[in-house]
Amino acid sequence: SVDRTAPGLDIKIFPNPARDFVQVQSESLGMIYAELFDAQGKRVQQDQFSGYGQLDLRQLSGGLFWLRFYNVKGEVICRKIIRN
């Protein structure tokens, strides 16, 4: 899905729900930063990529997580993901 409130962050994540990995695809130019938070708000992972990336979920238990993406312009979007 795309969040229209942050036009500089055109990000798609799949599959969702996911088991081991989440693919992240961005049409945005430049570096995109990602932070993964558990349901209690604790940051459990962070990464950065340009264009395409993959987040490894294998070390996490199943449940609800929030992915926060941001760029150098300060635009931020959040996505909910579920790990099976």
PDB file of N, CA and C in Angstrom:
ATOM      1  N   SER A   1       0.831  -1.182   0.000  1.00  0.00           N
ATOM      2  CA  SER A   1       0.000   0.000   0.000  1.00  0.00           C
ATOM      3  C   SER A   1       0.875   1.245   0.000  1.00  0.00           C
ATOM      4  N   VAL A   2       0.307   2.337  -0.433  1.00  0.00           N
ATOM      5  CA  VAL A   2       1.036   3.593  -0.539  1.00  0.00           C
ATOM      6  C   VAL A   2       0.360   4.627   0.331  1.00  0.00           C
ATOM      7  N   ASP A   3       1.146   5.355   1.111  1.00  0.00           N
ATOM      8  CA  ASP A   3       0.608   6.402   1.960  1.00  0.00           C
ATOM      9  C   ASP A   3       0.712   7.723   1.221  1.00  0.00           C
ATOM     10  N   ARG A   4      -0.420   8.312   0.843  1.00  0.00           N
ATOM     11  CA  ARG A   4      -0.432   9.544   0.057  1.00  0.00           C
ATOM     12  C   ARG A   4      -0.040  10.765   0.880  1.00  0.00           C
ATOM     13  N   THR A   5       0.094  10.652   2.195  1.00  0.00           N
ATOM     14  CA  THR A   5       0.479  11.795   3.009  1.00  0.00           C
ATOM     15  C   THR A   5       1.979  12.041   2.977  1.00  0.00           C
ATOM     16  N   ALA A   6       2.742  11.109   2.439  1.00  0.00           N
ATOM     17  CA  ALA A   6       4.196  11.252   2.317  1.00  0.00           C
ATOM     18  C   ALA A   6       4.584  10.933   0.879  1.00  0.00           C
ATOM     19  N   PRO A   7       4.405  11.892  -0.046  1.00  0.00           N
ATOM     20  CA  PRO A   7       4.628  11.610  -1.459  1.00  0.00           C
ATOM     21  C   PRO A   7       6.054  11.180  -1.798  1.00  0.00           C
ATOM     22  N   GLY A   8       7.015  11.506  -0.964  1.00  0.00           N
ATOM     23  CA  GLY A   8       8.393  11.091  -1.207  1.00  0.00           C
ATOM     24  C   GLY A   8       8.678   9.667  -0.776  1.00  0.00           C
ATOM     25  N   LEU A   9       7.697   9.006  -0.188  1.00  0.00           N
ATOM     26  CA  LEU A   9       7.865   7.636   0.291  1.00  0.00           C
ATOM     27  C   LEU A   9       6.829   6.737  -0.362  1.00  0.00           C
ATOM     28  N   ASP A  10       7.123   6.286  -1.532  1.00  0.00           N
ATOM     29  CA  ASP A  10       6.258   5.355  -2.267  1.00  0.00           C
ATOM     30  C   ASP A  10       6.775   3.953  -1.971  1.00  0.00           C
ATOM     31  N   ILE A  11       6.231   3.312  -0.937  1.00  0.00           N
ATOM     32  CA  ILE A  11       6.774   2.046  -0.433  1.00  0.00           C
ATOM     33  C   ILE A  11       5.710   0.962  -0.466  1.00  0.00           C
ATOM     34  N   LYS A  12       6.135  -0.219  -0.924  1.00  0.00           N
ATOM     35  CA  LYS A  12       5.289  -1.413  -0.903  1.00  0.00           C
ATOM     36  C   LYS A  12       5.995  -2.474  -0.081  1.00  0.00           C
ATOM     37  N   ILE A  13       5.242  -3.186   0.760  1.00  0.00           N
ATOM     38  CA  ILE A  13       5.802  -4.300   1.527  1.00  0.00           C
ATOM     39  C   ILE A  13       4.982  -5.550   1.234  1.00  0.00           C
ATOM     40  N   PHE A  14       5.677  -6.665   1.123  1.00  0.00           N
ATOM     41  CA  PHE A  14       5.013  -7.934   0.814  1.00  0.00           C
ATOM     42  C   PHE A  14       5.937  -9.086   1.180  1.00  0.00           C
ATOM     43  N   PRO A  15       5.444 -10.271   1.475  1.00  0.00           N
ATOM     44  CA  PRO A  15       4.041 -10.572   1.755  1.00  0.00           C
ATOM     45  C   PRO A  15       3.664 -10.043   3.137  1.00  0.00           C
ATOM     46  N   ASN A  16       2.403  -9.935   3.364  1.00  0.00           N
ATOM     47  CA  ASN A  16       1.910  -9.508   4.661  1.00  0.00           C
ATOM     48  C   ASN A  16       0.534 -10.133   4.868  1.00  0.00           C
ATOM     49  N   PRO A  17       0.410 -11.102   5.753  1.00  0.00           N
ATOM     50  CA  PRO A  17       1.354 -11.597   6.751  1.00  0.00           C
ATOM     51  C   PRO A  17       2.573 -12.280   6.119  1.00  0.00           C
ATOM     52  N   ALA A  18       3.646 -12.311   6.905  1.00  0.00           N
ATOM     53  CA  ALA A  18       4.913 -12.888   6.450  1.00  0.00           C
ATOM     54  C   ALA A  18       5.376 -13.949   7.443  1.00  0.00           C
ATOM     55  N   ARG A  19       6.248 -14.816   6.960  1.00  0.00           N
ATOM     56  CA  ARG A  19       6.805 -15.844   7.832  1.00  0.00           C
ATOM     57  C   ARG A  19       8.258 -15.553   8.184  1.00  0.00           C
ATOM     58  N   ASP A  20       9.136 -15.512   7.197  1.00  0.00           N
ATOM     59  CA  ASP A  20      10.564 -15.346   7.456  1.00  0.00           C
ATOM     60  C   ASP A  20      11.129 -14.004   6.988  1.00  0.00           C
ATOM     61  N   PHE A  21      10.616 -13.494   5.880  1.00  0.00           N
ATOM     62  CA  PHE A  21      11.152 -12.256   5.303  1.00  0.00           C
ATOM     63  C   PHE A  21      10.021 -11.364   4.804  1.00  0.00           C
ATOM     64  N   VAL A  22      10.246 -10.069   4.850  1.00  0.00           N
ATOM     65  CA  VAL A  22       9.360  -9.079   4.242  1.00  0.00           C
ATOM     66  C   VAL A  22      10.184  -8.354   3.177  1.00  0.00           C
ATOM     67  N   GLN A  23       9.645  -8.299   1.982  1.00  0.00           N
ATOM     68  CA  GLN A  23      10.288  -7.569   0.890  1.00  0.00           C
ATOM     69  C   GLN A  23       9.792  -6.129   0.934  1.00  0.00           C
ATOM     70  N   VAL A  24      10.702  -5.199   0.726  1.00  0.00           N
ATOM     71  CA  VAL A  24      10.358  -3.785   0.710  1.00  0.00           C
ATOM     72  C   VAL A  24      10.792  -3.223  -0.626  1.00  0.00           C
ATOM     73  N   GLN A  25       9.864  -2.574  -1.293  1.00  0.00           N
ATOM     74  CA  GLN A  25      10.147  -2.000  -2.601  1.00  0.00           C
ATOM     75  C   GLN A  25       9.757  -0.536  -2.588  1.00  0.00           C
ATOM     76  N   SER A  26      10.647   0.312  -3.103  1.00  0.00           N
ATOM     77  CA  SER A  26      10.385   1.744  -3.110  1.00  0.00           C
ATOM     78  C   SER A  26      10.714   2.330  -4.468  1.00  0.00           C
ATOM     79  N   GLU A  27       9.820   3.171  -4.952  1.00  0.00           N
ATOM     80  CA  GLU A  27      10.058   3.923  -6.185  1.00  0.00           C
ATOM     81  C   GLU A  27      10.733   5.254  -5.868  1.00  0.00           C
ATOM     82  N   SER A  28      10.904   5.542  -4.602  1.00  0.00           N
ATOM     83  CA  SER A  28      11.484   6.810  -4.170  1.00  0.00           C
ATOM     84  C   SER A  28      12.968   6.869  -4.477  1.00  0.00           C
ATOM     85  N   LEU A  29      13.437   8.061  -4.740  1.00  0.00           N
ATOM     86  CA  LEU A  29      14.863   8.263  -4.960  1.00  0.00           C
ATOM     87  C   LEU A  29      15.564   8.442  -3.621  1.00  0.00           C
ATOM     88  N   GLY A  30      16.787   7.970  -3.531  1.00  0.00           N
ATOM     89  CA  GLY A  30      17.555   8.154  -2.316  1.00  0.00           C
ATOM     90  C   GLY A  30      17.378   7.033  -1.320  1.00  0.00           C
ATOM     91  N   MET A  31      18.044   7.204  -0.200  1.00  0.00           N
ATOM     92  CA  MET A  31      18.062   6.200   0.854  1.00  0.00           C
ATOM     93  C   MET A  31      16.763   6.244   1.654  1.00  0.00           C
ATOM     94  N   ILE A  32      16.231   5.061   1.955  1.00  0.00           N
ATOM     95  CA  ILE A  32      15.059   4.900   2.818  1.00  0.00           C
ATOM     96  C   ILE A  32      15.529   4.157   4.071  1.00  0.00           C
ATOM     97  N   TYR A  33      15.105   4.638   5.207  1.00  0.00           N
ATOM     98  CA  TYR A  33      15.465   4.025   6.477  1.00  0.00           C
ATOM     99  C   TYR A  33      14.233   3.330   7.043  1.00  0.00           C
ATOM    100  N   ALA A  34      14.441   2.161   7.629  1.00  0.00           N
ATOM    101  CA  ALA A  34      13.334   1.371   8.168  1.00  0.00           C
ATOM    102  C   ALA A  34      13.632   0.980   9.609  1.00  0.00           C
ATOM    103  N   GLU A  35      12.623   1.078  10.454  1.00  0.00           N
ATOM    104  CA  GLU A  35      12.714   0.615  11.827  1.00  0.00           C
ATOM    105  C   GLU A  35      11.507  -0.280  12.091  1.00  0.00           C
ATOM    106  N   LEU A  36      11.756  -1.415  12.711  1.00  0.00           N
ATOM    107  CA  LEU A  36      10.709  -2.373  13.034  1.00  0.00           C
ATOM    108  C   LEU A  36      10.500  -2.372  14.542  1.00  0.00           C
ATOM    109  N   PHE A  37       9.233  -2.184  14.952  1.00  0.00           N
ATOM    110  CA  PHE A  37       8.881  -2.126  16.367  1.00  0.00           C
ATOM    111  C   PHE A  37       7.908  -3.252  16.701  1.00  0.00           C
ATOM    112  N   ASP A  38       8.057  -3.823  17.904  1.00  0.00           N
ATOM    113  CA  ASP A  38       7.102  -4.829  18.336  1.00  0.00           C
ATOM    114  C   ASP A  38       5.843  -4.144  18.863  1.00  0.00           C
ATOM    115  N   ALA A  39       4.876  -4.920  19.297  1.00  0.00           N
ATOM    116  CA  ALA A  39       3.590  -4.376  19.735  1.00  0.00           C
ATOM    117  C   ALA A  39       3.719  -3.501  20.982  1.00  0.00           C
ATOM    118  N   GLN A  40       4.799  -3.659  21.751  1.00  0.00           N
ATOM    119  CA  GLN A  40       5.022  -2.838  22.942  1.00  0.00           C
ATOM    120  C   GLN A  40       5.801  -1.552  22.628  1.00  0.00           C
ATOM    121  N   GLY A  41       6.179  -1.367  21.369  1.00  0.00           N
ATOM    122  CA  GLY A  41       6.899  -0.165  20.966  1.00  0.00           C
ATOM    123  C   GLY A  41       8.405  -0.254  21.044  1.00  0.00           C
ATOM    124  N   LYS A  42       8.938  -1.436  21.314  1.00  0.00           N
ATOM    125  CA  LYS A  42      10.389  -1.622  21.388  1.00  0.00           C
ATOM    126  C   LYS A  42      10.936  -1.828  19.979  1.00  0.00           C
ATOM    127  N   ARG A  43      11.986  -1.063  19.638  1.00  0.00           N
ATOM    128  CA  ARG A  43      12.613  -1.256  18.330  1.00  0.00           C
ATOM    129  C   ARG A  43      13.391  -2.569  18.339  1.00  0.00           C
ATOM    130  N   VAL A  44      13.058  -3.443  17.399  1.00  0.00           N
ATOM    131  CA  VAL A  44      13.677  -4.762  17.354  1.00  0.00           C
ATOM    132  C   VAL A  44      14.597  -4.926  16.144  1.00  0.00           C
ATOM    133  N   GLN A  45      14.517  -4.000  15.194  1.00  0.00           N
ATOM    134  CA  GLN A  45      15.366  -4.109  14.014  1.00  0.00           C
ATOM    135  C   GLN A  45      15.390  -2.765  13.303  1.00  0.00           C
ATOM    136  N   GLN A  46      16.498  -2.500  12.615  1.00  0.00           N
ATOM    137  CA  GLN A  46      16.590  -1.313  11.775  1.00  0.00           C
ATOM    138  C   GLN A  46      17.426  -1.648  10.552  1.00  0.00           C
ATOM    139  N   ASP A  47      17.155  -0.947   9.477  1.00  0.00           N
ATOM    140  CA  ASP A  47      17.856  -1.211   8.219  1.00  0.00           C
ATOM    141  C   ASP A  47      17.737   0.016   7.333  1.00  0.00           C
ATOM    142  N   GLN A  48      18.475   0.022   6.253  1.00  0.00           N
ATOM    143  CA  GLN A  48      18.359   1.070   5.255  1.00  0.00           C
ATOM    144  C   GLN A  48      18.548   0.453   3.892  1.00  0.00           C
ATOM    145  N   PHE A  49      17.937   1.054   2.884  1.00  0.00           N
ATOM    146  CA  PHE A  49      18.022   0.515   1.543  1.00  0.00           C
ATOM    147  C   PHE A  49      17.680   1.598   0.537  1.00  0.00           C
ATOM    148  N   SER A  50      17.960   1.297  -0.696  1.00  0.00           N
ATOM    149  CA  SER A  50      17.620   2.193  -1.799  1.00  0.00           C
ATOM    150  C   SER A  50      16.975   1.349  -2.887  1.00  0.00           C
ATOM    151  N   GLY A  51      15.704   1.561  -3.126  1.00  0.00           N
ATOM    152  CA  GLY A  51      15.002   0.833  -4.172  1.00  0.00           C
ATOM    153  C   GLY A  51      14.370  -0.466  -3.712  1.00  0.00           C
ATOM    154  N   TYR A  52      15.176  -1.362  -3.166  1.00  0.00           N
ATOM    155  CA  TYR A  52      14.670  -2.682  -2.791  1.00  0.00           C
ATOM    156  C   TYR A  52      15.424  -3.176  -1.563  1.00  0.00           C
ATOM    157  N   GLY A  53      14.711  -3.813  -0.659  1.00  0.00           N
ATOM    158  CA  GLY A  53      15.340  -4.376   0.518  1.00  0.00           C
ATOM    159  C   GLY A  53      14.547  -5.550   1.045  1.00  0.00           C
ATOM    160  N   GLN A  54      15.119  -6.206   2.021  1.00  0.00           N
ATOM    161  CA  GLN A  54      14.484  -7.374   2.630  1.00  0.00           C
ATOM    162  C   GLN A  54      14.744  -7.324   4.124  1.00  0.00           C
ATOM    163  N   LEU A  55      13.692  -7.483   4.903  1.00  0.00           N
ATOM    164  CA  LEU A  55      13.831  -7.536   6.353  1.00  0.00           C
ATOM    165  C   LEU A  55      13.685  -8.982   6.814  1.00  0.00           C
ATOM    166  N   ASP A  56      14.628  -9.423   7.612  1.00  0.00           N
ATOM    167  CA  ASP A  56      14.662 -10.790   8.124  1.00  0.00           C
ATOM    168  C   ASP A  56      13.852 -10.856   9.418  1.00  0.00           C
ATOM    169  N   LEU A  57      12.791 -11.634   9.412  1.00  0.00           N
ATOM    170  CA  LEU A  57      11.925 -11.765  10.578  1.00  0.00           C
ATOM    171  C   LEU A  57      12.141 -13.067  11.341  1.00  0.00           C
ATOM    172  N   ARG A  58      13.063 -13.886  10.910  1.00  0.00           N
ATOM    173  CA  ARG A  58      13.215 -15.226  11.482  1.00  0.00           C
ATOM    174  C   ARG A  58      13.516 -15.229  12.972  1.00  0.00           C
ATOM    175  N   GLN A  59      14.191 -14.214  13.492  1.00  0.00           N
ATOM    176  CA  GLN A  59      14.546 -14.195  14.911  1.00  0.00           C
ATOM    177  C   GLN A  59      13.418 -13.668  15.784  1.00  0.00           C
ATOM    178  N   LEU A  60      12.314 -13.249  15.171  1.00  0.00           N
ATOM    179  CA  LEU A  60      11.202 -12.680  15.919  1.00  0.00           C
ATOM    180  C   LEU A  60      10.096 -13.705  16.140  1.00  0.00           C
ATOM    181  N   SER A  61       9.415 -13.583  17.269  1.00  0.00           N
ATOM    182  CA  SER A  61       8.259 -14.438  17.514  1.00  0.00           C
ATOM    183  C   SER A  61       7.080 -13.911  16.697  1.00  0.00           C
ATOM    184  N   GLY A  62       6.060 -14.735  16.540  1.00  0.00           N
ATOM    185  CA  GLY A  62       4.894 -14.326  15.776  1.00  0.00           C
ATOM    186  C   GLY A  62       4.139 -13.196  16.458  1.00  0.00           C
ATOM    187  N   GLY A  63       3.449 -12.409  15.660  1.00  0.00           N
ATOM    188  CA  GLY A  63       2.649 -11.340  16.231  1.00  0.00           C
ATOM    189  C   GLY A  63       2.603 -10.112  15.347  1.00  0.00           C
ATOM    190  N   LEU A  64       2.148  -9.025  15.935  1.00  0.00           N
ATOM    191  CA  LEU A  64       1.973  -7.755  15.248  1.00  0.00           C
ATOM    192  C   LEU A  64       3.222  -6.895  15.409  1.00  0.00           C
ATOM    193  N   PHE A  65       3.640  -6.264  14.327  1.00  0.00           N
ATOM    194  CA  PHE A  65       4.789  -5.368  14.335  1.00  0.00           C
ATOM    195  C   PHE A  65       4.453  -4.127  13.525  1.00  0.00           C
ATOM    196  N   TRP A  66       5.167  -3.058  13.812  1.00  0.00           N
ATOM    197  CA  TRP A  66       5.016  -1.811  13.060  1.00  0.00           C
ATOM    198  C   TRP A  66       6.330  -1.488  12.368  1.00  0.00           C
ATOM    199  N   LEU A  67       6.247  -1.176  11.093  1.00  0.00           N
ATOM    200  CA  LEU A  67       7.402  -0.746  10.309  1.00  0.00           C
ATOM    201  C   LEU A  67       7.297   0.752  10.104  1.00  0.00           C
ATOM    202  N   ARG A  68       8.320   1.476  10.478  1.00  0.00           N
ATOM    203  CA  ARG A  68       8.352   2.921  10.257  1.00  0.00           C
ATOM    204  C   ARG A  68       9.432   3.205   9.220  1.00  0.00           C
ATOM    205  N   PHE A  69       9.044   3.886   8.170  1.00  0.00           N
ATOM    206  CA  PHE A  69       9.956   4.276   7.109  1.00  0.00           C
ATOM    207  C   PHE A  69      10.129   5.780   7.123  1.00  0.00           C
ATOM    208  N   TYR A  70      11.343   6.239   6.858  1.00  0.00           N
ATOM    209  CA  TYR A  70      11.565   7.673   6.730  1.00  0.00           C
ATOM    210  C   TYR A  70      12.710   7.927   5.752  1.00  0.00           C
ATOM    211  N   ASN A  71      12.740   9.148   5.236  1.00  0.00           N
ATOM    212  CA  ASN A  71      13.783   9.523   4.285  1.00  0.00           C
ATOM    213  C   ASN A  71      14.520  10.754   4.792  1.00  0.00           C
ATOM    214  N   VAL A  72      15.487  11.217   4.013  1.00  0.00           N
ATOM    215  CA  VAL A  72      16.296  12.357   4.439  1.00  0.00           C
ATOM    216  C   VAL A  72      15.500  13.662   4.468  1.00  0.00           C
ATOM    217  N   LYS A  73      14.346  13.698   3.808  1.00  0.00           N
ATOM    218  CA  LYS A  73      13.484  14.883   3.835  1.00  0.00           C
ATOM    219  C   LYS A  73      12.644  14.950   5.107  1.00  0.00           C
ATOM    220  N   GLY A  74      12.692  13.897   5.911  1.00  0.00           N
ATOM    221  CA  GLY A  74      11.912  13.866   7.137  1.00  0.00           C
ATOM    222  C   GLY A  74      10.511  13.312   6.968  1.00  0.00           C
ATOM    223  N   GLU A  75      10.184  12.824   5.785  1.00  0.00           N
ATOM    224  CA  GLU A  75       8.866  12.223   5.568  1.00  0.00           C
ATOM    225  C   GLU A  75       8.838  10.848   6.233  1.00  0.00           C
ATOM    226  N   VAL A  76       7.718  10.543   6.880  1.00  0.00           N
ATOM    227  CA  VAL A  76       7.593   9.304   7.654  1.00  0.00           C
ATOM    228  C   VAL A  76       6.262   8.645   7.329  1.00  0.00           C
ATOM    229  N   ILE A  77       6.292   7.329   7.182  1.00  0.00           N
ATOM    230  CA  ILE A  77       5.071   6.537   7.093  1.00  0.00           C
ATOM    231  C   ILE A  77       5.249   5.288   7.945  1.00  0.00           C
ATOM    232  N   CYS A  78       4.139   4.730   8.392  1.00  0.00           N
ATOM    233  CA  CYS A  78       4.164   3.503   9.191  1.00  0.00           C
ATOM    234  C   CYS A  78       3.272   2.457   8.527  1.00  0.00           C
ATOM    235  N   ARG A  79       3.686   1.219   8.635  1.00  0.00           N
ATOM    236  CA  ARG A  79       2.938   0.086   8.117  1.00  0.00           C
ATOM    237  C   ARG A  79       2.854  -0.988   9.201  1.00  0.00           C
ATOM    238  N   LYS A  80       1.711  -1.601   9.281  1.00  0.00           N
ATOM    239  CA  LYS A  80       1.518  -2.725  10.199  1.00  0.00           C
ATOM    240  C   LYS A  80       1.837  -4.002   9.446  1.00  0.00           C
ATOM    241  N   ILE A  81       2.619  -4.890  10.074  1.00  0.00           N
ATOM    242  CA  ILE A  81       2.871  -6.197   9.476  1.00  0.00           C
ATOM    243  C   ILE A  81       2.603  -7.271  10.533  1.00  0.00           C
ATOM    244  N   ILE A  82       2.302  -8.463  10.063  1.00  0.00           N
ATOM    245  CA  ILE A  82       2.060  -9.594  10.935  1.00  0.00           C
ATOM    246  C   ILE A  82       3.039 -10.691  10.571  1.00  0.00           C
ATOM    247  N   ARG A  83       3.708 -11.211  11.605  1.00  0.00           N
ATOM    248  CA  ARG A  83       4.597 -12.353  11.397  1.00  0.00           C
ATOM    249  C   ARG A  83       3.867 -13.587  11.876  1.00  0.00           C
ATOM    250  N   ASN A  84       3.750 -14.566  10.970  1.00  0.00           N
ATOM    251  CA  ASN A  84       3.109 -15.850  11.318  1.00  0.00           C
ATOM    252  C   ASN A  84       4.053 -16.736  12.064  1.00  0.00           C
TER     253      ASN A  84
END
